[in-house]
């Protein structure tokens, strides 16, 4: 009898975690959540803006540095300025 209670408890937990996963969107592959990885050799400043729109500031700074060949400090300052314009 105790074994069935344990099995039912495990099944209930699995169902609860599955429902929570779908509600938070962690188990759903939505198109707007797809990874955006621009190619640094062909990237533009618009790609930097797209990274900022997706809340990927660090990636935006790295890409800006690669595109414009500037220092980390300068890239950070410019990206933060761009971020305020969103």
C-alpha atoms as a PDB file:
ATOM      1  CA  UNK A   1       0.000   0.000   0.000  1.00  0.00           C
ATOM      2  CA  UNK A   2       2.802   2.469   0.841  1.00  0.00           C
ATOM      3  CA  UNK A   3       4.471   1.802  -2.516  1.00  0.00           C
ATOM      4  CA  UNK A   4       1.380   3.001  -4.411  1.00  0.00           C
ATOM      5  CA  UNK A   5       1.279   6.213  -2.378  1.00  0.00           C
ATOM      6  CA  UNK A   6       4.920   6.912  -3.217  1.00  0.00           C
ATOM      7  CA  UNK A   7       4.348   6.206  -6.926  1.00  0.00           C
ATOM      8  CA  UNK A   8       1.268   8.460  -7.018  1.00  0.00           C
ATOM      9  CA  UNK A   9       3.244  11.203  -5.249  1.00  0.00           C
ATOM     10  CA  UNK A  10       6.033  10.993  -7.824  1.00  0.00           C
ATOM     11  CA  UNK A  11       3.537  11.117 -10.702  1.00  0.00           C
ATOM     12  CA  UNK A  12       1.816  14.146  -9.136  1.00  0.00           C
ATOM     13  CA  UNK A  13       5.159  15.951  -8.792  1.00  0.00           C
ATOM     14  CA  UNK A  14       6.027  15.206 -12.430  1.00  0.00           C
ATOM     15  CA  UNK A  15       2.702  16.673 -13.559  1.00  0.00           C
ATOM     16  CA  UNK A  16       3.154  19.775 -11.402  1.00  0.00           C
ATOM     17  CA  UNK A  17       6.686  20.432 -12.720  1.00  0.00           C
ATOM     18  CA  UNK A  18       5.533  19.934 -16.310  1.00  0.00           C
ATOM     19  CA  UNK A  19       2.701  22.441 -15.891  1.00  0.00           C
ATOM     20  CA  UNK A  20       5.034  24.965 -14.260  1.00  0.00           C
ATOM     21  CA  UNK A  21       7.527  24.510 -17.117  1.00  0.00           C
ATOM     22  CA  UNK A  22       4.906  25.252 -19.751  1.00  0.00           C
ATOM     23  CA  UNK A  23       3.528  28.263 -17.880  1.00  0.00           C
ATOM     24  CA  UNK A  24       6.947  29.864 -17.523  1.00  0.00           C
ATOM     25  CA  UNK A  25       7.755  29.148 -21.155  1.00  0.00           C
ATOM     26  CA  UNK A  26      10.895  27.192 -20.355  1.00  0.00           C
ATOM     27  CA  UNK A  27       9.576  24.143 -22.195  1.00  0.00           C
ATOM     28  CA  UNK A  28       8.145  25.982 -25.189  1.00  0.00           C
ATOM     29  CA  UNK A  29      10.389  26.947 -28.093  1.00  0.00           C
ATOM     30  CA  UNK A  30       8.793  30.215 -29.183  1.00  0.00           C
ATOM     31  CA  UNK A  31      10.150  31.978 -32.284  1.00  0.00           C
ATOM     32  CA  UNK A  32      10.867  35.232 -30.418  1.00  0.00           C
ATOM     33  CA  UNK A  33      12.985  33.323 -27.921  1.00  0.00           C
ATOM     34  CA  UNK A  34      15.300  31.864 -30.532  1.00  0.00           C
ATOM     35  CA  UNK A  35      18.965  32.534 -30.067  1.00  0.00           C
ATOM     36  CA  UNK A  36      20.366  35.459 -32.040  1.00  0.00           C
ATOM     37  CA  UNK A  37      24.062  35.036 -32.845  1.00  0.00           C
ATOM     38  CA  UNK A  38      25.244  37.464 -35.529  1.00  0.00           C
ATOM     39  CA  UNK A  39      28.397  36.671 -37.475  1.00  0.00           C
ATOM     40  CA  UNK A  40      31.037  39.214 -36.361  1.00  0.00           C
ATOM     41  CA  UNK A  41      32.548  39.374 -39.845  1.00  0.00           C
ATOM     42  CA  UNK A  42      29.299  40.565 -41.424  1.00  0.00           C
ATOM     43  CA  UNK A  43      27.561  42.141 -38.412  1.00  0.00           C
ATOM     44  CA  UNK A  44      26.380  45.736 -38.320  1.00  0.00           C
ATOM     45  CA  UNK A  45      25.468  48.165 -35.575  1.00  0.00           C
ATOM     46  CA  UNK A  46      21.837  47.160 -36.150  1.00  0.00           C
ATOM     47  CA  UNK A  47      22.805  43.689 -34.901  1.00  0.00           C
ATOM     48  CA  UNK A  48      24.149  45.359 -31.757  1.00  0.00           C
ATOM     49  CA  UNK A  49      20.769  47.056 -31.307  1.00  0.00           C
ATOM     50  CA  UNK A  50      18.976  43.727 -31.777  1.00  0.00           C
ATOM     51  CA  UNK A  51      21.097  42.186 -29.025  1.00  0.00           C
ATOM     52  CA  UNK A  52      20.152  45.082 -26.752  1.00  0.00           C
ATOM     53  CA  UNK A  53      16.466  44.591 -27.562  1.00  0.00           C
ATOM     54  CA  UNK A  54      16.888  40.982 -26.447  1.00  0.00           C
ATOM     55  CA  UNK A  55      18.516  42.114 -23.158  1.00  0.00           C
ATOM     56  CA  UNK A  56      21.918  40.713 -24.103  1.00  0.00           C
ATOM     57  CA  UNK A  57      24.069  43.693 -23.163  1.00  0.00           C
ATOM     58  CA  UNK A  58      27.339  41.802 -22.700  1.00  0.00           C
ATOM     59  CA  UNK A  59      27.020  40.200 -26.137  1.00  0.00           C
ATOM     60  CA  UNK A  60      26.199  43.619 -27.601  1.00  0.00           C
ATOM     61  CA  UNK A  61      29.372  45.093 -26.092  1.00  0.00           C
ATOM     62  CA  UNK A  62      31.498  42.229 -27.428  1.00  0.00           C
ATOM     63  CA  UNK A  63      29.996  42.553 -30.900  1.00  0.00           C
ATOM     64  CA  UNK A  64      30.407  46.335 -30.932  1.00  0.00           C
ATOM     65  CA  UNK A  65      34.100  45.897 -30.021  1.00  0.00           C
ATOM     66  CA  UNK A  66      34.619  43.413 -32.852  1.00  0.00           C
ATOM     67  CA  UNK A  67      32.816  45.534 -35.436  1.00  0.00           C
ATOM     68  CA  UNK A  68      34.436  48.866 -34.574  1.00  0.00           C
ATOM     69  CA  UNK A  69      37.805  47.720 -33.184  1.00  0.00           C
ATOM     70  CA  UNK A  70      37.538  49.835 -30.023  1.00  0.00           C
ATOM     71  CA  UNK A  71      38.488  49.319 -26.394  1.00  0.00           C
ATOM     72  CA  UNK A  72      36.228  47.610 -23.889  1.00  0.00           C
ATOM     73  CA  UNK A  73      35.628  50.896 -22.082  1.00  0.00           C
ATOM     74  CA  UNK A  74      34.604  52.724 -25.243  1.00  0.00           C
ATOM     75  CA  UNK A  75      32.382  49.874 -26.403  1.00  0.00           C
ATOM     76  CA  UNK A  76      30.660  49.741 -23.015  1.00  0.00           C
ATOM     77  CA  UNK A  77      30.035  53.500 -23.040  1.00  0.00           C
ATOM     78  CA  UNK A  78      28.591  53.460 -26.555  1.00  0.00           C
ATOM     79  CA  UNK A  79      26.387  50.419 -25.924  1.00  0.00           C
ATOM     80  CA  UNK A  80      25.065  51.969 -22.713  1.00  0.00           C
ATOM     81  CA  UNK A  81      24.258  55.128 -24.650  1.00  0.00           C
ATOM     82  CA  UNK A  82      22.477  53.071 -27.321  1.00  0.00           C
ATOM     83  CA  UNK A  83      20.590  51.249 -24.585  1.00  0.00           C
ATOM     84  CA  UNK A  84      19.098  54.502 -23.322  1.00  0.00           C
ATOM     85  CA  UNK A  85      17.745  55.198 -26.810  1.00  0.00           C
ATOM     86  CA  UNK A  86      15.652  52.016 -26.881  1.00  0.00           C
END
